[in-house]
């Protein structure tokens, strides 16, 4: 089986037919000016910077015949799946459900909720709308992965310390072997990304493995 020999903390061995790439929340609302990320006062360019790397990762995964999963953090138009504790937290300029430059923020079907054009899903790829931080919470992701016989997950997306890490921890608890691509994930706070990567691979890979895209592409059978 292929192995990413230089992954940390040890080689990551995987079976391509049982592997899925999970791209977390590469949405306009988080990555482009005028979205929810900007409304929280963040520098969205930090997230936009990884789009070319995620595009390369997607191309690699498609060429390898992996299953592809895209997630979107999103809510029903009536916000029935958005707890008040989530919507009312903090002091953003605009809250979930409010109207912004790209439509209602983090609401399904609105322009801002779409995945950025450069990373758009192609027919046959799974798109999961999730109301929480984790990709498994209140979604069909677990069932869909089981149908496809998935055992290994490769993660990319944003933000590293919130939705990416939460999804990896959920996957780890469900028995999946997980690899995070370091240069295909980002945070509005670079120090948080660095700390998350260190936590994931600590203690022998307590949550999973990490590697760069170059290291992944050099994986050897």
C-alpha atoms as a PDB file:
ATOM      1  CA  UNK A   1       0.000   0.000   0.000  1.00  0.00           C
ATOM      2  CA  UNK A   2       1.169   3.589  -0.566  1.00  0.00           C
ATOM      3  CA  UNK A   3       2.922   5.297   2.312  1.00  0.00           C
ATOM      4  CA  UNK A   4       3.685   8.929   3.064  1.00  0.00           C
ATOM      5  CA  UNK A   5       7.058   8.054   4.567  1.00  0.00           C
ATOM      6  CA  UNK A   6       7.835  11.557   5.814  1.00  0.00           C
ATOM      7  CA  UNK A   7       4.483  12.208   7.504  1.00  0.00           C
ATOM      8  CA  UNK A   8       4.618  13.072  11.185  1.00  0.00           C
ATOM      9  CA  UNK A   9       4.824  11.477  13.664  1.00  0.00           C
ATOM     10  CA  UNK A  10       5.328   8.342  11.532  1.00  0.00           C
ATOM     11  CA  UNK A  11       4.637   7.064   8.002  1.00  0.00           C
ATOM     12  CA  UNK A  12       0.986   7.263   6.946  1.00  0.00           C
ATOM     13  CA  UNK A  13      -0.011   4.090   5.113  1.00  0.00           C
ATOM     14  CA  UNK A  14      -3.276   4.041   3.166  1.00  0.00           C
ATOM     15  CA  UNK A  15      -5.257   2.111   0.576  1.00  0.00           C
ATOM     16  CA  UNK A  16      -6.359   4.459  -2.262  1.00  0.00           C
ATOM     17  CA  UNK A  17      -9.667   2.650  -2.800  1.00  0.00           C
ATOM     18  CA  UNK A  18     -10.545   3.226   0.851  1.00  0.00           C
ATOM     19  CA  UNK A  19      -9.378   6.834   1.016  1.00  0.00           C
ATOM     20  CA  UNK A  20     -11.415  10.030   0.828  1.00  0.00           C
ATOM     21  CA  UNK A  21     -10.268  13.631   0.664  1.00  0.00           C
ATOM     22  CA  UNK A  22     -12.399  15.824   2.932  1.00  0.00           C
ATOM     23  CA  UNK A  23     -12.244  19.532   2.060  1.00  0.00           C
ATOM     24  CA  UNK A  24     -13.705  21.523   4.925  1.00  0.00           C
ATOM     25  CA  UNK A  25     -15.702  24.716   4.417  1.00  0.00           C
ATOM     26  CA  UNK A  26     -13.847  26.422   1.573  1.00  0.00           C
ATOM     27  CA  UNK A  27     -16.784  28.800   1.228  1.00  0.00           C
ATOM     28  CA  UNK A  28     -17.070  32.364   0.037  1.00  0.00           C
ATOM     29  CA  UNK A  29     -18.481  33.361   3.438  1.00  0.00           C
ATOM     30  CA  UNK A  30     -15.164  32.485   5.076  1.00  0.00           C
ATOM     31  CA  UNK A  31     -12.672  33.249   2.321  1.00  0.00           C
ATOM     32  CA  UNK A  32     -13.886  36.340   0.458  1.00  0.00           C
ATOM     33  CA  UNK A  33     -14.323  39.937   1.635  1.00  0.00           C
ATOM     34  CA  UNK A  34     -17.870  40.668   2.750  1.00  0.00           C
ATOM     35  CA  UNK A  35     -18.545  37.255   4.244  1.00  0.00           C
ATOM     36  CA  UNK A  36     -18.896  35.991   7.792  1.00  0.00           C
ATOM     37  CA  UNK A  37     -15.144  35.711   8.318  1.00  0.00           C
ATOM     38  CA  UNK A  38     -14.699  39.380   7.533  1.00  0.00           C
ATOM     39  CA  UNK A  39     -17.736  40.275   9.665  1.00  0.00           C
ATOM     40  CA  UNK A  40     -15.906  38.757  12.612  1.00  0.00           C
ATOM     41  CA  UNK A  41     -13.042  41.172  11.954  1.00  0.00           C
ATOM     42  CA  UNK A  42     -10.642  38.676  10.388  1.00  0.00           C
ATOM     43  CA  UNK A  43      -8.099  39.012   7.602  1.00  0.00           C
ATOM     44  CA  UNK A  44      -9.651  36.647   5.041  1.00  0.00           C
ATOM     45  CA  UNK A  45      -6.575  36.782   2.803  1.00  0.00           C
ATOM     46  CA  UNK A  46      -4.924  34.299   5.175  1.00  0.00           C
ATOM     47  CA  UNK A  47      -7.516  31.730   4.111  1.00  0.00           C
ATOM     48  CA  UNK A  48      -7.584  32.754   0.454  1.00  0.00           C
ATOM     49  CA  UNK A  49      -3.844  32.098   0.256  1.00  0.00           C
ATOM     50  CA  UNK A  50      -4.335  28.311   0.467  1.00  0.00           C
ATOM     51  CA  UNK A  51      -6.859  28.061  -2.391  1.00  0.00           C
ATOM     52  CA  UNK A  52      -4.204  27.205  -5.032  1.00  0.00           C
ATOM     53  CA  UNK A  53      -2.737  24.481  -2.797  1.00  0.00           C
ATOM     54  CA  UNK A  54      -6.154  22.980  -2.088  1.00  0.00           C
ATOM     55  CA  UNK A  55      -6.842  23.042  -5.835  1.00  0.00           C
ATOM     56  CA  UNK A  56      -3.624  21.060  -6.436  1.00  0.00           C
ATOM     57  CA  UNK A  57      -4.630  18.605  -3.714  1.00  0.00           C
ATOM     58  CA  UNK A  58      -8.071  18.163  -5.277  1.00  0.00           C
ATOM     59  CA  UNK A  59      -6.519  17.519  -8.673  1.00  0.00           C
ATOM     60  CA  UNK A  60      -4.174  14.946  -7.156  1.00  0.00           C
ATOM     61  CA  UNK A  61      -6.997  13.167  -5.319  1.00  0.00           C
ATOM     62  CA  UNK A  62      -9.142  13.052  -8.442  1.00  0.00           C
ATOM     63  CA  UNK A  63      -6.279  11.664 -10.474  1.00  0.00           C
ATOM     64  CA  UNK A  64      -5.689   8.978  -7.831  1.00  0.00           C
ATOM     65  CA  UNK A  65      -9.341   7.969  -7.873  1.00  0.00           C
ATOM     66  CA  UNK A  66     -10.038   8.881  -4.258  1.00  0.00           C
ATOM     67  CA  UNK A  67     -13.520   9.689  -3.092  1.00  0.00           C
ATOM     68  CA  UNK A  68     -14.008  13.434  -2.589  1.00  0.00           C
ATOM     69  CA  UNK A  69     -16.084  15.100   0.126  1.00  0.00           C
ATOM     70  CA  UNK A  70     -16.758  18.844   0.348  1.00  0.00           C
ATOM     71  CA  UNK A  71     -18.386  20.355   3.435  1.00  0.00           C
ATOM     72  CA  UNK A  72     -20.176  23.639   3.927  1.00  0.00           C
ATOM     73  CA  UNK A  73     -21.075  25.112   7.294  1.00  0.00           C
ATOM     74  CA  UNK A  74     -24.618  26.173   6.582  1.00  0.00           C
ATOM     75  CA  UNK A  75     -28.062  26.575   8.042  1.00  0.00           C
ATOM     76  CA  UNK A  76     -31.669  26.272   6.935  1.00  0.00           C
ATOM     77  CA  UNK A  77     -33.272  29.563   5.857  1.00  0.00           C
ATOM     78  CA  UNK A  78     -35.432  29.601   9.003  1.00  0.00           C
ATOM     79  CA  UNK A  79     -32.319  29.001  11.157  1.00  0.00           C
ATOM     80  CA  UNK A  80     -34.085  26.106  12.879  1.00  0.00           C
ATOM     81  CA  UNK A  81     -30.775  24.232  12.990  1.00  0.00           C
ATOM     82  CA  UNK A  82     -28.797  27.179  14.360  1.00  0.00           C
ATOM     83  CA  UNK A  83     -28.935  27.286  18.167  1.00  0.00           C
ATOM     84  CA  UNK A  84     -29.296  30.783  19.650  1.00  0.00           C
ATOM     85  CA  UNK A  85     -26.102  30.155  21.601  1.00  0.00           C
ATOM     86  CA  UNK A  86     -24.253  29.934  18.288  1.00  0.00           C
ATOM     87  CA  UNK A  87     -25.975  32.801  16.501  1.00  0.00           C
ATOM     88  CA  UNK A  88     -25.758  35.279  19.378  1.00  0.00           C
ATOM     89  CA  UNK A  89     -22.171  34.576  20.461  1.00  0.00           C
ATOM     90  CA  UNK A  90     -19.655  37.402  20.219  1.00  0.00           C
ATOM     91  CA  UNK A  91     -20.107  40.804  18.651  1.00  0.00           C
ATOM     92  CA  UNK A  92     -19.743  40.392  14.861  1.00  0.00           C
ATOM     93  CA  UNK A  93     -20.831  43.177  12.548  1.00  0.00           C
ATOM     94  CA  UNK A  94     -23.286  40.710  11.002  1.00  0.00           C
ATOM     95  CA  UNK A  95     -24.647  37.482  12.434  1.00  0.00           C
ATOM     96  CA  UNK A  96     -25.608  34.156  10.894  1.00  0.00           C
ATOM     97  CA  UNK A  97     -28.768  34.714   8.881  1.00  0.00           C
ATOM     98  CA  UNK A  98     -28.242  38.460   8.461  1.00  0.00           C
ATOM     99  CA  UNK A  99     -28.054  39.883   4.956  1.00  0.00           C
ATOM    100  CA  UNK A 100     -24.558  40.724   3.773  1.00  0.00           C
ATOM    101  CA  UNK A 101     -22.866  41.558   0.464  1.00  0.00           C
ATOM    102  CA  UNK A 102     -23.209  37.896  -0.651  1.00  0.00           C
ATOM    103  CA  UNK A 103     -26.705  37.229   0.640  1.00  0.00           C
ATOM    104  CA  UNK A 104     -27.745  35.865   4.010  1.00  0.00           C
ATOM    105  CA  UNK A 105     -24.690  34.733   5.942  1.00  0.00           C
ATOM    106  CA  UNK A 106     -24.131  30.961   6.254  1.00  0.00           C
ATOM    107  CA  UNK A 107     -27.592  30.160   4.873  1.00  0.00           C
ATOM    108  CA  UNK A 108     -27.974  27.338   2.372  1.00  0.00           C
ATOM    109  CA  UNK A 109     -28.534  28.441  -1.186  1.00  0.00           C
ATOM    110  CA  UNK A 110     -27.138  31.934  -0.687  1.00  0.00           C
ATOM    111  CA  UNK A 111     -24.214  33.072  -2.888  1.00  0.00           C
ATOM    112  CA  UNK A 112     -21.849  33.419   0.062  1.00  0.00           C
ATOM    113  CA  UNK A 113     -22.495  29.869   1.191  1.00  0.00           C
ATOM    114  CA  UNK A 114     -21.105  28.469  -2.053  1.00  0.00           C
ATOM    115  CA  UNK A 115     -17.687  26.861  -2.273  1.00  0.00           C
ATOM    116  CA  UNK A 116     -15.219  29.161  -4.026  1.00  0.00           C
ATOM    117  CA  UNK A 117     -15.159  28.669  -7.794  1.00  0.00           C
ATOM    118  CA  UNK A 118     -11.582  27.372  -7.929  1.00  0.00           C
ATOM    119  CA  UNK A 119     -12.536  24.447  -5.671  1.00  0.00           C
ATOM    120  CA  UNK A 120     -16.048  23.763  -6.909  1.00  0.00           C
ATOM    121  CA  UNK A 121     -17.261  20.154  -6.618  1.00  0.00           C
ATOM    122  CA  UNK A 122     -17.616  18.171  -9.814  1.00  0.00           C
ATOM    123  CA  UNK A 123     -20.455  15.726 -10.526  1.00  0.00           C
ATOM    124  CA  UNK A 124     -20.233  12.622  -8.379  1.00  0.00           C
ATOM    125  CA  UNK A 125     -18.456  14.288  -5.458  1.00  0.00           C
ATOM    126  CA  UNK A 126     -20.212  14.334  -2.103  1.00  0.00           C
ATOM    127  CA  UNK A 127     -21.286  17.696  -0.663  1.00  0.00           C
ATOM    128  CA  UNK A 128     -22.202  17.741   3.033  1.00  0.00           C
ATOM    129  CA  UNK A 129     -24.062  20.680   4.557  1.00  0.00           C
ATOM    130  CA  UNK A 130     -23.271  20.731   8.255  1.00  0.00           C
ATOM    131  CA  UNK A 131     -24.922  22.931  10.891  1.00  0.00           C
ATOM    132  CA  UNK A 132     -22.072  22.533  13.370  1.00  0.00           C
ATOM    133  CA  UNK A 133     -18.301  22.663  13.435  1.00  0.00           C
ATOM    134  CA  UNK A 134     -17.796  18.932  12.975  1.00  0.00           C
ATOM    135  CA  UNK A 135     -18.541  17.247   9.653  1.00  0.00           C
ATOM    136  CA  UNK A 136     -20.223  14.255  11.342  1.00  0.00           C
ATOM    137  CA  UNK A 137     -22.599  16.132  13.651  1.00  0.00           C
ATOM    138  CA  UNK A 138     -26.209  16.080  12.358  1.00  0.00           C
ATOM    139  CA  UNK A 139     -25.122  14.954   8.869  1.00  0.00           C
ATOM    140  CA  UNK A 140     -25.058  11.750   6.808  1.00  0.00           C
ATOM    141  CA  UNK A 141     -21.286  11.771   6.429  1.00  0.00           C
ATOM    142  CA  UNK A 142     -20.706   8.650   8.510  1.00  0.00           C
ATOM    143  CA  UNK A 143     -23.274   6.664   6.537  1.00  0.00           C
ATOM    144  CA  UNK A 144     -21.957   7.906   3.208  1.00  0.00           C
ATOM    145  CA  UNK A 145     -18.377   6.958   4.073  1.00  0.00           C
ATOM    146  CA  UNK A 146     -19.482   3.516   5.203  1.00  0.00           C
ATOM    147  CA  UNK A 147     -21.340   2.922   1.931  1.00  0.00           C
ATOM    148  CA  UNK A 148     -18.117   3.730   0.057  1.00  0.00           C
ATOM    149  CA  UNK A 149     -15.928   1.537   2.253  1.00  0.00           C
ATOM    150  CA  UNK A 150     -13.778   4.436   3.447  1.00  0.00           C
ATOM    151  CA  UNK A 151     -11.172   3.767   6.143  1.00  0.00           C
ATOM    152  CA  UNK A 152      -8.691   6.644   5.638  1.00  0.00           C
ATOM    153  CA  UNK A 153      -9.424  10.369   5.469  1.00  0.00           C
ATOM    154  CA  UNK A 154      -7.169  13.138   4.164  1.00  0.00           C
ATOM    155  CA  UNK A 155      -8.191  16.560   5.447  1.00  0.00           C
ATOM    156  CA  UNK A 156      -7.833  20.096   4.092  1.00  0.00           C
ATOM    157  CA  UNK A 157      -9.732  23.349   4.541  1.00  0.00           C
ATOM    158  CA  UNK A 158     -10.594  25.944   7.141  1.00  0.00           C
ATOM    159  CA  UNK A 159     -10.255  26.832   9.826  1.00  0.00           C
ATOM    160  CA  UNK A 160      -7.555  24.536  11.151  1.00  0.00           C
ATOM    161  CA  UNK A 161      -8.358  24.867  14.840  1.00  0.00           C
ATOM    162  CA  UNK A 162     -12.155  24.898  14.567  1.00  0.00           C
ATOM    163  CA  UNK A 163     -13.986  22.946  11.860  1.00  0.00           C
ATOM    164  CA  UNK A 164     -10.985  20.995  10.558  1.00  0.00           C
ATOM    165  CA  UNK A 165      -9.762  19.882  13.966  1.00  0.00           C
ATOM    166  CA  UNK A 166     -13.292  19.134  15.192  1.00  0.00           C
ATOM    167  CA  UNK A 167     -13.982  16.973  12.144  1.00  0.00           C
ATOM    168  CA  UNK A 168     -10.669  15.136  12.532  1.00  0.00           C
ATOM    169  CA  UNK A 169     -11.376  14.400  16.171  1.00  0.00           C
ATOM    170  CA  UNK A 170     -14.860  13.143  15.298  1.00  0.00           C
ATOM    171  CA  UNK A 171     -13.331  10.916  12.613  1.00  0.00           C
ATOM    172  CA  UNK A 172     -10.637   9.636  14.976  1.00  0.00           C
ATOM    173  CA  UNK A 173     -13.285   8.653  17.528  1.00  0.00           C
ATOM    174  CA  UNK A 174     -15.075   6.712  14.786  1.00  0.00           C
ATOM    175  CA  UNK A 175     -11.981   4.712  13.898  1.00  0.00           C
ATOM    176  CA  UNK A 176     -10.775   6.484  10.752  1.00  0.00           C
ATOM    177  CA  UNK A 177      -7.069   6.974  10.100  1.00  0.00           C
ATOM    178  CA  UNK A 178      -6.642  10.695   9.398  1.00  0.00           C
ATOM    179  CA  UNK A 179      -4.001  12.801   7.672  1.00  0.00           C
ATOM    180  CA  UNK A 180      -4.012  16.613   7.665  1.00  0.00           C
ATOM    181  CA  UNK A 181      -2.278  18.379   4.764  1.00  0.00           C
ATOM    182  CA  UNK A 182      -0.453  21.198   6.516  1.00  0.00           C
ATOM    183  CA  UNK A 183      -0.217  23.678   3.642  1.00  0.00           C
ATOM    184  CA  UNK A 184      -3.811  23.011   2.539  1.00  0.00           C
ATOM    185  CA  UNK A 185      -5.320  24.270   5.780  1.00  0.00           C
ATOM    186  CA  UNK A 186      -5.363  27.724   7.330  1.00  0.00           C
ATOM    187  CA  UNK A 187      -6.538  29.827  10.237  1.00  0.00           C
ATOM    188  CA  UNK A 188      -7.237  33.507  10.725  1.00  0.00           C
ATOM    189  CA  UNK A 189      -4.673  33.124  13.535  1.00  0.00           C
ATOM    190  CA  UNK A 190      -1.480  31.414  12.285  1.00  0.00           C
ATOM    191  CA  UNK A 191      -0.391  30.551  15.818  1.00  0.00           C
ATOM    192  CA  UNK A 192      -3.627  28.585  16.263  1.00  0.00           C
ATOM    193  CA  UNK A 193      -2.857  26.582  13.116  1.00  0.00           C
ATOM    194  CA  UNK A 194       0.626  25.762  14.366  1.00  0.00           C
ATOM    195  CA  UNK A 195      -0.692  24.698  17.768  1.00  0.00           C
ATOM    196  CA  UNK A 196      -3.400  22.516  16.209  1.00  0.00           C
ATOM    197  CA  UNK A 197      -0.919  20.712  13.957  1.00  0.00           C
ATOM    198  CA  UNK A 198       1.275  20.040  16.975  1.00  0.00           C
ATOM    199  CA  UNK A 199      -1.684  18.706  18.968  1.00  0.00           C
ATOM    200  CA  UNK A 200      -2.898  16.423  16.184  1.00  0.00           C
ATOM    201  CA  UNK A 201       0.388  14.579  15.813  1.00  0.00           C
ATOM    202  CA  UNK A 202       1.456  14.651  19.458  1.00  0.00           C
ATOM    203  CA  UNK A 203       1.816  11.523  21.592  1.00  0.00           C
ATOM    204  CA  UNK A 204       2.332   9.256  18.622  1.00  0.00           C
ATOM    205  CA  UNK A 205      -0.495  10.742  16.572  1.00  0.00           C
ATOM    206  CA  UNK A 206      -3.221  11.092  19.165  1.00  0.00           C
ATOM    207  CA  UNK A 207      -5.612  12.492  16.540  1.00  0.00           C
ATOM    208  CA  UNK A 208      -3.770  11.623  13.337  1.00  0.00           C
ATOM    209  CA  UNK A 209      -0.897  12.413  11.028  1.00  0.00           C
ATOM    210  CA  UNK A 210       0.261  15.556   9.234  1.00  0.00           C
ATOM    211  CA  UNK A 211       2.233  16.087   6.032  1.00  0.00           C
ATOM    212  CA  UNK A 212       2.710  18.692   3.332  1.00  0.00           C
ATOM    213  CA  UNK A 213       1.161  18.374  -0.101  1.00  0.00           C
ATOM    214  CA  UNK A 214       4.597  17.700  -1.596  1.00  0.00           C
ATOM    215  CA  UNK A 215       5.168  14.879   0.865  1.00  0.00           C
ATOM    216  CA  UNK A 216       1.768  13.389   0.023  1.00  0.00           C
ATOM    217  CA  UNK A 217       2.439  13.543  -3.709  1.00  0.00           C
ATOM    218  CA  UNK A 218       5.735  11.713  -3.168  1.00  0.00           C
ATOM    219  CA  UNK A 219       3.948   8.808  -1.458  1.00  0.00           C
ATOM    220  CA  UNK A 220       5.540   5.499  -2.414  1.00  0.00           C
ATOM    221  CA  UNK A 221       3.977   2.078  -2.750  1.00  0.00           C
END
